[in-house]
Amino acid sequence: MTTTLPSPNDPLDEFKPESELDEGREEDSAVASRPRQLMHETAQRIERVILVGVPRPPSQRQFETDEHLEELELLTKTAGAEVVEKVFQSRSALVSSTFIGKGKAEYIAERCKDEDIQTVIFDDDLTPVQQRNLERMLDRKVVDRTALILDIFALHARSNTAKTQVELAQLEYLLPRLTRLWTHLSKQYGGIRTKGPGETQIETDRRLVRDRISHLKEKLELISRQRETQRKGRKDVTRIALVGYTNVGKSTLLNILTGSDVLVEDKLFATLDATVRAVSIGKSTVLFTDTVGFIRKLPPKLVASFKSTLDEVVEADIILHVVDISHPAFHEQIEVVDKTLKDIHADGKPTITVLNKVDTLENAGALAGLAERYPNAVPISAARGINLNELLATIQRIIEERRTIRSFNIRPPDFKLLAEFHRESDVQEERFEDEYILVRSDIAPETAARILKLYAGKIEEAYGDD
């Protein structure tokens, strides 16, 4: 709804005498229930777009590009736009100046005019030069996949941390593209304390953006240190990170396992913030962390900006890799997640492959063989609560496997250090000798490592003690 403000020539109440205001109040109350002529309903126009995919055989075939454009269409709908048409051009080599050929660009320009298209979205990243040339040829706004993802992240950012991370990624994407965004950048101005003819407007804009980027990086570094301090306080509980492709049901699973109320929407990237919830499994306290979903061609700058959030995955003891088993390309989605985990150095951890949405499978035989292919595979339905007991049992088994009975000598005898073992582990035995205290405890590896490092010279691991 839009309000039309009075023009400068309209009489305003603040200039009326008090008596006139009093006389007008009854009239105002009489017409209060009638619709004001200055108010009118407006419908927000939905942006109409064309998607462009460029398969490059033999590395990328047509059917793969079809799948990529289907995902790009979901991203576009998540951003609130309407996909009118999908355009393909198979090329063995890309055009350095325009990405696509001249003939295809002319075809897209005609379709934009015929279908009243406002935006053209490419499934691949474009260089600033390609983007600028295409906008001139098409006379339309041109967006690449990275810009679209950044726009969706900006729409869904809720917390201060998420907004900071997204803004940093947006500015780093924007910086090399400033030249095409302004019409006044050729202007120069001089003055006191300036060199030569003065600083061009584009140089001023770049300097302001760089200053803002520097400020945001400092802010995220502070956030990262704060989260690191928080993680230190949680080092001696088992930390489990939920990871997976976007929109596979991680938040739904977190809600049902912990009884929380994390936002769940059938949209890509509905959750951007790391959400931590505690729950007891057996005798252990477990911290579940829901993280941002991954996607193919995830912008590297976005991964870098979300470092403080993704560190929750790096620091986790166990990973729950949630997979939408009903998706036709779930194998590729698994590969994308595995690659991203490797890129952030979070691979090699104990992993449970959670095969979600089994209730939507038409062919249950599709699960055959997955248990052998993927480690600790557990088929479930988070939405319907199917087979969650097996998932919890698998988690408990891995937790127990990670804990071992180890022996330590406290030299010289120190009851404060003995109390530390009682707080941080399950002490099985304690034996008091003249020169030391022998402690046998069920202890997590990271807890043992922390204690040995913290009290080096006072505690040593004992081998061969009965």
Protein backbone atom coordinates (compact mmCIF):
# COMPACT_ATOMS: atom_id res chain seq x y z
CA MET A 1 0.00 0.00 0.00
CA THR A 2 1.34 3.42 -1.00
CA THR A 3 0.53 6.80 0.52
CA THR A 4 0.53 9.88 -1.72
CA LEU A 5 1.79 12.85 0.28
CA PRO A 6 0.15 16.30 -0.05
CA SER A 7 1.80 18.70 -2.41
CA PRO A 8 3.57 21.81 -1.03
CA ASN A 9 0.50 23.88 -2.02
CA ASP A 10 -1.93 21.77 0.03
CA PRO A 11 -3.19 23.38 3.26
CA LEU A 12 -1.54 21.75 6.26
CA ASP A 13 -3.09 21.50 9.71
CA GLU A 14 -0.03 22.92 11.40
CA PHE A 15 -0.66 26.31 9.71
CA LYS A 16 -4.36 26.48 10.66
CA PRO A 17 -5.61 28.53 13.60
CA GLU A 18 -6.63 26.48 16.65
CA SER A 19 -10.29 27.40 16.15
CA GLU A 20 -10.31 26.02 12.63
CA LEU A 21 -8.74 22.82 13.87
CA ASP A 22 -11.50 22.39 16.46
CA GLU A 23 -14.21 22.98 13.84
CA GLY A 24 -12.68 20.40 11.56
CA ARG A 25 -12.44 17.59 14.10
CA GLU A 26 -16.12 16.61 13.85
CA GLU A 27 -15.86 16.51 10.07
CA ASP A 28 -12.68 14.46 10.34
CA SER A 29 -14.42 11.92 12.57
CA ALA A 30 -17.33 11.72 10.18
CA VAL A 31 -15.16 10.82 7.23
CA ALA A 32 -12.67 8.72 9.15
CA SER A 33 -14.44 5.53 8.16
CA ARG A 34 -14.49 6.45 4.44
CA PRO A 35 -11.50 5.47 2.30
CA ARG A 36 -9.12 8.35 1.76
CA GLN A 37 -8.64 9.38 -1.84
CA LEU A 38 -4.95 9.82 -1.18
CA MET A 39 -4.58 6.10 -0.39
CA HIS A 40 -4.57 3.51 -3.16
CA GLU A 41 -3.62 -0.12 -3.52
CA THR A 42 -0.62 -1.01 -5.64
CA ALA A 43 0.42 -4.50 -6.69
CA GLN A 44 4.13 -5.14 -6.68
CA ARG A 45 5.26 -6.10 -10.15
CA ILE A 46 6.98 -9.48 -10.33
CA GLU A 47 10.26 -9.34 -12.20
CA ARG A 48 10.23 -11.41 -15.40
CA VAL A 49 13.50 -13.12 -16.29
CA ILE A 50 15.16 -15.34 -18.88
CA LEU A 51 17.67 -17.97 -17.75
CA VAL A 52 20.72 -18.75 -19.87
CA GLY A 53 22.75 -21.97 -19.71
CA VAL A 54 25.83 -22.77 -21.75
CA PRO A 55 26.75 -26.49 -21.87
CA ARG A 56 30.37 -27.05 -22.85
CA PRO A 57 30.88 -30.59 -24.15
CA PRO A 58 32.48 -32.90 -23.35
CA SER A 59 33.05 -31.60 -19.78
CA GLN A 60 29.41 -30.54 -19.35
CA ARG A 61 26.62 -32.15 -21.30
CA GLN A 62 23.13 -30.93 -22.14
CA PHE A 63 21.29 -32.94 -19.46
CA GLU A 64 23.64 -31.61 -16.78
CA THR A 65 22.92 -28.06 -17.90
CA ASP A 66 19.19 -28.87 -17.76
CA GLU A 67 19.58 -29.90 -14.10
CA HIS A 68 21.62 -26.79 -13.34
CA LEU A 69 19.00 -24.52 -14.89
CA GLU A 70 16.24 -26.26 -12.90
CA GLU A 71 18.16 -25.37 -9.76
CA LEU A 72 18.73 -21.85 -11.08
CA GLU A 73 14.96 -21.58 -11.59
CA LEU A 74 14.41 -22.54 -7.93
CA LEU A 75 16.94 -19.89 -6.91
CA THR A 76 15.15 -17.32 -9.08
CA LYS A 77 11.75 -18.15 -7.58
CA THR A 78 13.26 -17.95 -4.10
CA ALA A 79 14.43 -14.43 -4.99
CA GLY A 80 10.85 -13.56 -5.97
CA ALA A 81 11.10 -13.45 -9.78
CA GLU A 82 9.23 -15.28 -12.53
CA VAL A 83 11.08 -17.43 -15.06
CA VAL A 84 9.59 -16.90 -18.51
CA GLU A 85 12.04 -18.83 -20.67
CA LYS A 86 15.24 -20.89 -20.56
CA VAL A 87 17.81 -20.43 -23.31
CA PHE A 88 20.70 -22.77 -24.14
CA GLN A 89 23.77 -22.40 -26.30
CA SER A 90 26.19 -25.27 -26.59
CA ARG A 91 29.74 -24.02 -27.11
CA SER A 92 33.12 -25.70 -27.04
CA ALA A 93 34.73 -22.33 -26.24
CA LEU A 94 33.26 -19.23 -24.63
CA VAL A 95 33.36 -15.77 -26.17
CA SER A 96 35.73 -13.76 -23.99
CA SER A 97 33.88 -10.47 -24.43
CA THR A 98 30.24 -11.59 -24.21
CA PHE A 99 30.31 -15.22 -22.91
CA ILE A 100 27.74 -16.23 -25.58
CA GLY A 101 27.79 -15.74 -29.34
CA LYS A 102 26.49 -12.61 -31.08
CA GLY A 103 23.60 -14.46 -32.74
CA LYS A 104 22.36 -15.90 -29.46
CA ALA A 105 22.65 -12.49 -27.80
CA GLU A 106 20.52 -10.96 -30.56
CA TYR A 107 17.94 -13.74 -30.11
CA ILE A 108 17.78 -13.08 -26.35
CA ALA A 109 17.43 -9.33 -26.98
CA GLU A 110 14.42 -9.99 -29.24
CA ARG A 111 12.83 -12.31 -26.68
CA CYS A 112 13.30 -9.65 -23.99
CA LYS A 113 11.33 -7.19 -26.09
CA ASP A 114 8.63 -9.68 -27.04
CA GLU A 115 8.08 -11.07 -23.51
CA ASP A 116 8.63 -7.84 -21.53
CA ILE A 117 11.70 -9.27 -19.76
CA GLN A 118 13.48 -7.12 -17.19
CA THR A 119 16.44 -9.36 -16.26
CA VAL A 120 18.61 -12.02 -17.88
CA ILE A 121 20.29 -14.48 -15.48
CA PHE A 122 23.30 -16.59 -16.47
CA ASP A 123 24.00 -19.88 -14.71
CA ASP A 124 27.74 -19.20 -14.78
CA ASP A 125 29.83 -16.40 -13.36
CA LEU A 126 30.45 -13.50 -15.70
CA THR A 127 33.43 -11.18 -15.71
CA PRO A 128 32.71 -7.47 -15.22
CA VAL A 129 33.52 -6.88 -18.91
CA GLN A 130 31.17 -9.64 -20.08
CA GLN A 131 28.41 -8.32 -17.84
CA ARG A 132 28.82 -4.77 -19.10
CA ASN A 133 28.91 -5.82 -22.78
CA LEU A 134 25.86 -8.04 -22.41
CA GLU A 135 23.83 -5.27 -20.77
CA ARG A 136 24.66 -3.00 -23.69
CA MET A 137 23.68 -5.63 -26.26
CA LEU A 138 20.50 -6.79 -24.50
CA ASP A 139 19.47 -3.42 -23.06
CA ARG A 140 18.45 -5.30 -19.93
CA LYS A 141 19.88 -5.97 -16.50
CA VAL A 142 22.23 -8.96 -16.58
CA VAL A 143 22.87 -11.05 -13.47
CA ASP A 144 25.08 -14.10 -12.96
CA ARG A 145 24.60 -17.01 -10.56
CA THR A 146 26.79 -15.50 -7.84
CA ALA A 147 24.85 -12.23 -7.79
CA LEU A 148 21.57 -14.15 -7.56
CA ILE A 149 22.78 -16.23 -4.61
CA LEU A 150 24.06 -13.12 -2.86
CA ASP A 151 20.65 -11.50 -3.36
CA ILE A 152 18.91 -14.50 -1.77
CA PHE A 153 21.34 -14.46 1.14
CA ALA A 154 20.61 -10.77 1.65
CA LEU A 155 16.85 -11.49 1.70
CA HIS A 156 17.23 -14.25 4.31
CA ALA A 157 19.86 -12.68 6.57
CA ARG A 158 18.31 -12.11 9.99
CA SER A 159 21.05 -11.91 12.60
CA ASN A 160 23.73 -9.25 12.80
CA THR A 161 26.37 -11.87 11.99
CA ALA A 162 24.59 -13.10 8.85
CA LYS A 163 23.98 -9.55 7.63
CA THR A 164 27.65 -8.70 8.13
CA GLN A 165 28.79 -11.81 6.28
CA VAL A 166 26.44 -11.20 3.36
CA GLU A 167 27.35 -7.51 3.08
CA LEU A 168 31.04 -8.37 2.95
CA ALA A 169 30.48 -10.88 0.14
CA GLN A 170 28.30 -8.39 -1.75
CA LEU A 171 30.87 -5.61 -1.53
CA GLU A 172 33.71 -7.87 -2.64
CA TYR A 173 31.58 -8.90 -5.61
CA LEU A 174 30.65 -5.28 -6.30
CA LEU A 175 34.13 -3.75 -6.15
CA PRO A 176 35.40 -4.76 -9.63
CA ARG A 177 32.01 -3.90 -11.14
CA LEU A 178 31.70 -0.33 -9.90
CA THR A 179 32.48 1.15 -13.30
CA ARG A 180 29.21 -0.05 -14.82
CA LEU A 181 26.98 1.08 -11.98
CA TRP A 182 27.38 4.84 -12.24
CA THR A 183 27.01 7.58 -14.82
CA HIS A 184 28.93 10.26 -12.95
CA LEU A 185 32.22 8.44 -12.50
CA SER A 186 34.12 10.50 -15.04
CA LYS A 187 33.66 13.64 -12.97
CA GLN A 188 36.66 14.95 -11.08
CA TYR A 189 36.96 17.48 -8.37
CA GLY A 190 39.88 19.30 -6.81
CA GLY A 191 40.46 21.22 -3.65
CA ILE A 192 42.65 21.58 -0.63
CA ARG A 193 44.88 18.58 0.16
CA THR A 194 44.23 16.83 -3.16
CA LYS A 195 46.81 15.89 -5.75
CA GLY A 196 46.64 17.06 -9.34
CA PRO A 197 43.17 17.42 -10.82
CA GLY A 198 41.60 15.67 -7.87
CA GLU A 199 40.20 12.24 -7.12
CA THR A 200 37.84 10.76 -9.69
CA GLN A 201 34.42 9.70 -8.40
CA ILE A 202 35.14 6.06 -9.25
CA GLU A 203 38.30 6.20 -7.12
CA THR A 204 36.27 7.69 -4.28
CA ASP A 205 33.66 4.96 -4.58
CA ARG A 206 36.30 2.24 -4.62
CA ARG A 207 38.05 3.73 -1.62
CA LEU A 208 34.78 3.88 0.33
CA VAL A 209 33.98 0.28 -0.58
CA ARG A 210 37.47 -0.90 0.41
CA ASP A 211 37.18 0.93 3.73
CA ARG A 212 33.83 -0.71 4.36
CA ILE A 213 35.23 -4.14 3.44
CA SER A 214 38.11 -3.62 5.87
CA HIS A 215 35.67 -2.65 8.62
CA LEU A 216 33.45 -5.68 7.99
CA LYS A 217 36.44 -8.04 8.03
CA GLU A 218 37.52 -6.63 11.39
CA LYS A 219 33.99 -7.08 12.68
CA LEU A 220 33.84 -10.70 11.49
CA GLU A 221 37.25 -11.38 13.00
CA LEU A 222 35.88 -10.21 16.36
CA ILE A 223 32.82 -12.42 15.91
CA SER A 224 35.09 -15.34 15.03
CA ARG A 225 37.14 -14.83 18.21
CA GLN A 226 33.97 -14.62 20.30
CA ARG A 227 32.67 -17.86 18.80
CA GLU A 228 36.03 -19.52 19.35
CA THR A 229 35.79 -18.58 23.03
CA GLN A 230 32.27 -20.01 23.14
CA ARG A 231 33.46 -23.24 21.52
CA LYS A 232 36.21 -23.59 24.12
CA GLY A 233 33.53 -23.68 26.75
CA ARG A 234 31.88 -26.54 24.84
CA LYS A 235 35.00 -28.54 24.09
CA ASP A 236 34.18 -31.38 26.44
CA VAL A 237 30.76 -32.20 25.05
CA THR A 238 30.19 -33.99 21.78
CA ARG A 239 29.52 -31.50 18.99
CA ILE A 240 27.56 -32.67 15.95
CA ALA A 241 27.20 -30.49 12.84
CA LEU A 242 24.31 -30.95 10.42
CA VAL A 243 25.52 -30.33 6.89
CA GLY A 244 24.02 -30.94 3.49
CA TYR A 245 22.83 -29.45 0.26
CA THR A 246 20.41 -26.57 0.65
CA ASN A 247 16.75 -27.47 1.26
CA VAL A 248 17.35 -31.13 2.19
CA GLY A 249 15.67 -30.90 5.61
CA LYS A 250 18.47 -30.07 8.06
CA SER A 251 16.40 -27.60 10.07
CA THR A 252 13.46 -30.00 10.19
CA LEU A 253 15.74 -32.73 11.53
CA LEU A 254 17.26 -30.36 14.11
CA ASN A 255 13.79 -29.39 15.33
CA ILE A 256 12.61 -32.96 15.80
CA LEU A 257 15.85 -34.12 17.47
CA THR A 258 16.07 -31.21 19.90
CA GLY A 259 12.49 -29.95 20.22
CA SER A 260 13.52 -26.51 18.93
CA ASP A 261 11.72 -24.20 16.55
CA VAL A 262 14.28 -23.28 13.90
CA LEU A 263 12.70 -21.67 10.81
CA VAL A 264 11.66 -24.29 8.26
CA GLU A 265 10.65 -23.19 4.75
CA ASP A 266 10.54 -24.92 1.39
CA LYS A 267 13.04 -22.41 0.04
CA LEU A 268 16.72 -22.46 -0.78
CA PHE A 269 18.95 -20.96 1.94
CA ALA A 270 16.09 -20.40 4.42
CA THR A 271 18.66 -20.83 7.23
CA LEU A 272 21.89 -18.82 7.22
CA ASP A 273 22.86 -18.67 10.89
CA ALA A 274 24.51 -21.48 12.82
CA THR A 275 21.92 -22.65 15.37
CA VAL A 276 23.19 -24.65 18.37
CA ARG A 277 20.89 -26.84 20.49
CA ALA A 278 21.76 -29.21 23.36
CA VAL A 279 20.19 -32.63 23.90
CA SER A 280 21.00 -35.73 25.98
CA ILE A 281 21.70 -39.00 24.17
CA GLY A 282 22.32 -41.84 26.59
CA LYS A 283 24.75 -40.54 29.21
CA SER A 284 26.19 -37.93 26.88
CA THR A 285 25.27 -34.29 26.33
CA VAL A 286 25.33 -33.51 22.62
CA LEU A 287 25.35 -30.13 20.90
CA PHE A 288 23.67 -30.14 17.48
CA THR A 289 24.57 -27.31 15.12
CA ASP A 290 22.49 -26.47 12.03
CA THR A 291 24.55 -24.67 9.38
CA VAL A 292 24.04 -22.92 6.07
CA GLY A 293 23.23 -25.25 3.20
CA PHE A 294 25.71 -25.89 0.41
CA ILE A 295 25.05 -25.61 -3.31
CA ARG A 296 26.96 -26.25 -6.53
CA LYS A 297 29.03 -23.31 -7.73
CA LEU A 298 28.86 -21.75 -4.26
CA PRO A 299 30.73 -18.44 -4.59
CA PRO A 300 34.21 -18.72 -3.00
CA LYS A 301 33.87 -15.21 -1.52
CA LEU A 302 30.68 -16.32 0.18
CA VAL A 303 32.45 -19.32 1.71
CA ALA A 304 35.20 -16.99 2.95
CA SER A 305 32.67 -14.53 4.37
CA PHE A 306 30.85 -17.31 6.24
CA LYS A 307 34.05 -18.60 7.82
CA SER A 308 32.88 -17.89 11.37
CA THR A 309 29.71 -19.91 10.72
CA LEU A 310 31.45 -22.76 8.88
CA ASP A 311 34.02 -23.04 11.68
CA GLU A 312 31.24 -24.78 13.61
CA VAL A 313 31.56 -27.58 11.07
CA VAL A 314 35.36 -27.59 11.23
CA GLU A 315 35.29 -27.88 15.03
CA ALA A 316 32.59 -30.56 15.14
CA ASP A 317 33.33 -34.06 16.44
CA ILE A 318 30.72 -35.82 14.29
CA ILE A 319 29.04 -34.76 11.05
CA LEU A 320 25.47 -35.58 10.10
CA HIS A 321 25.40 -35.34 6.32
CA VAL A 322 21.70 -34.93 5.50
CA VAL A 323 20.71 -36.04 1.98
CA ASP A 324 17.41 -35.58 0.17
CA ILE A 325 17.19 -39.14 -1.14
CA SER A 326 14.14 -38.26 -3.26
CA HIS A 327 16.08 -35.74 -5.36
CA PRO A 328 17.05 -37.15 -8.78
CA ALA A 329 20.56 -35.66 -8.51
CA PHE A 330 21.25 -36.54 -4.86
CA HIS A 331 24.51 -38.32 -5.77
CA GLU A 332 25.84 -35.10 -7.29
CA GLN A 333 24.60 -33.13 -4.27
CA ILE A 334 26.57 -35.48 -1.99
CA GLU A 335 29.68 -34.86 -4.08
CA VAL A 336 29.17 -31.07 -3.83
CA VAL A 337 28.91 -31.26 -0.04
CA ASP A 338 31.94 -33.57 0.24
CA LYS A 339 33.98 -31.18 -1.90
CA THR A 340 32.92 -28.18 0.19
CA LEU A 341 33.84 -30.02 3.40
CA LYS A 342 37.23 -30.76 1.90
CA ASP A 343 37.68 -27.12 0.86
CA ILE A 344 37.08 -25.90 4.43
CA HIS A 345 39.25 -28.74 5.87
CA ALA A 346 36.35 -30.46 7.62
CA ASP A 347 36.64 -33.82 5.87
CA GLY A 348 37.84 -37.03 7.52
CA LYS A 349 35.56 -36.72 10.55
CA PRO A 350 33.20 -39.51 11.72
CA THR A 351 30.21 -39.05 9.42
CA ILE A 352 26.63 -40.35 9.45
CA THR A 353 24.89 -40.16 6.08
CA VAL A 354 21.26 -39.36 6.85
CA LEU A 355 19.10 -40.45 3.90
CA ASN A 356 16.13 -38.14 4.44
CA LYS A 357 12.65 -38.10 2.86
CA VAL A 358 12.40 -41.87 2.38
CA ASP A 359 8.63 -41.52 2.73
CA THR A 360 8.53 -39.78 -0.66
CA LEU A 361 10.31 -42.57 -2.54
CA GLU A 362 8.19 -44.44 -5.06
CA ASN A 363 10.79 -47.17 -5.39
CA ALA A 364 12.07 -48.33 -2.00
CA GLY A 365 14.62 -50.48 -3.80
CA ALA A 366 16.58 -47.30 -4.50
CA LEU A 367 18.01 -47.58 -0.97
CA ALA A 368 19.70 -50.87 -1.80
CA GLY A 369 23.45 -50.55 -1.93
CA LEU A 370 23.58 -47.08 -0.39
CA ALA A 371 24.54 -48.51 3.00
CA GLU A 372 27.68 -49.98 1.43
CA ARG A 373 28.49 -46.87 -0.60
CA TYR A 374 28.06 -44.27 2.15
CA PRO A 375 29.37 -44.56 5.74
CA ASN A 376 26.86 -45.17 8.52
CA ALA A 377 23.89 -44.61 6.19
CA VAL A 378 20.57 -44.29 8.05
CA PRO A 379 17.30 -43.89 6.09
CA ILE A 380 14.81 -41.57 7.83
CA SER A 381 11.98 -39.13 7.32
CA ALA A 382 12.51 -36.06 9.46
CA ALA A 383 9.10 -34.62 8.57
CA ARG A 384 7.24 -37.79 9.65
CA GLY A 385 9.64 -38.96 12.38
CA ILE A 386 10.42 -42.27 10.66
CA ASN A 387 13.41 -44.32 11.90
CA LEU A 388 14.79 -41.63 14.19
CA ASN A 389 15.56 -44.22 16.90
CA GLU A 390 18.06 -45.90 14.57
CA LEU A 391 19.67 -42.52 13.88
CA LEU A 392 20.00 -41.79 17.61
CA ALA A 393 21.40 -45.29 18.21
CA THR A 394 24.00 -44.73 15.48
CA ILE A 395 24.98 -41.39 17.02
CA GLN A 396 25.31 -42.98 20.46
CA ARG A 397 27.42 -45.83 19.06
CA ILE A 398 29.87 -43.42 17.42
CA ILE A 399 30.06 -41.35 20.62
CA GLU A 400 30.89 -44.47 22.61
CA GLU A 401 33.47 -45.57 20.04
CA ARG A 402 35.19 -42.21 20.42
CA ARG A 403 35.50 -42.65 24.18
CA THR A 404 38.17 -45.01 25.53
CA ILE A 405 39.46 -46.03 28.94
CA ARG A 406 42.81 -44.33 29.48
CA SER A 407 45.12 -44.13 32.48
CA PHE A 408 46.91 -41.05 33.81
CA ASN A 409 49.38 -40.33 36.58
CA ILE A 410 49.04 -37.10 38.55
CA ARG A 411 52.53 -36.14 39.82
CA PRO A 412 52.78 -34.99 42.56
CA PRO A 413 49.42 -35.99 44.04
CA ASP A 414 46.99 -33.11 43.53
CA PHE A 415 43.34 -33.49 44.52
CA LYS A 416 42.32 -30.43 42.49
CA LEU A 417 43.54 -32.14 39.33
CA LEU A 418 41.78 -35.33 40.38
CA ALA A 419 38.56 -33.32 40.69
CA GLU A 420 39.18 -32.08 37.11
CA PHE A 421 39.00 -35.68 35.85
CA HIS A 422 35.78 -36.24 37.80
CA ARG A 423 34.25 -33.14 36.18
CA GLU A 424 35.41 -33.84 32.64
CA SER A 425 35.22 -37.64 32.36
CA ASP A 426 33.74 -40.79 33.80
CA VAL A 427 36.37 -41.95 36.34
CA GLN A 428 36.50 -45.75 36.53
CA GLU A 429 39.27 -46.06 39.12
CA GLU A 430 41.57 -43.92 41.25
CA ARG A 431 44.57 -45.30 43.14
CA PHE A 432 46.63 -43.29 45.62
CA GLU A 433 50.35 -43.97 45.67
CA ASP A 434 53.13 -42.19 47.57
CA GLU A 435 54.36 -40.15 44.62
CA TYR A 436 51.34 -39.98 42.33
CA ILE A 437 47.63 -40.65 41.85
CA LEU A 438 46.64 -43.16 39.18
CA VAL A 439 43.38 -42.27 37.39
CA ARG A 440 41.59 -44.57 34.93
CA SER A 441 38.74 -42.81 33.17
CA ASP A 442 36.36 -43.03 30.22
CA ILE A 443 37.38 -39.84 28.44
CA ALA A 444 36.91 -38.22 25.04
CA PRO A 445 40.13 -37.83 22.99
CA GLU A 446 39.85 -34.05 22.74
CA THR A 447 39.28 -33.78 26.52
CA ALA A 448 42.34 -35.90 27.25
CA ALA A 449 44.44 -33.83 24.85
CA ARG A 450 43.25 -30.59 26.46
CA ILE A 451 44.03 -31.77 30.01
CA LEU A 452 47.46 -33.10 29.05
CA LYS A 453 48.32 -29.80 27.39
CA LEU A 454 46.85 -27.60 30.13
CA TYR A 455 48.62 -29.45 32.96
CA ALA A 456 51.82 -30.45 31.17
CA GLY A 457 54.45 -31.53 33.71
CA LYS A 458 51.80 -32.41 36.30
CA ILE A 459 49.84 -35.10 34.42
CA GLU A 460 51.23 -37.85 32.21
CA GLU A 461 49.54 -40.72 30.45
CA ALA A 462 50.25 -44.07 32.09
CA TYR A 463 50.77 -47.20 30.01
CA GLY A 464 50.69 -50.77 31.26
CA ASP A 465 49.00 -49.99 34.61
CA ASP A 466 46.49 -52.51 35.83
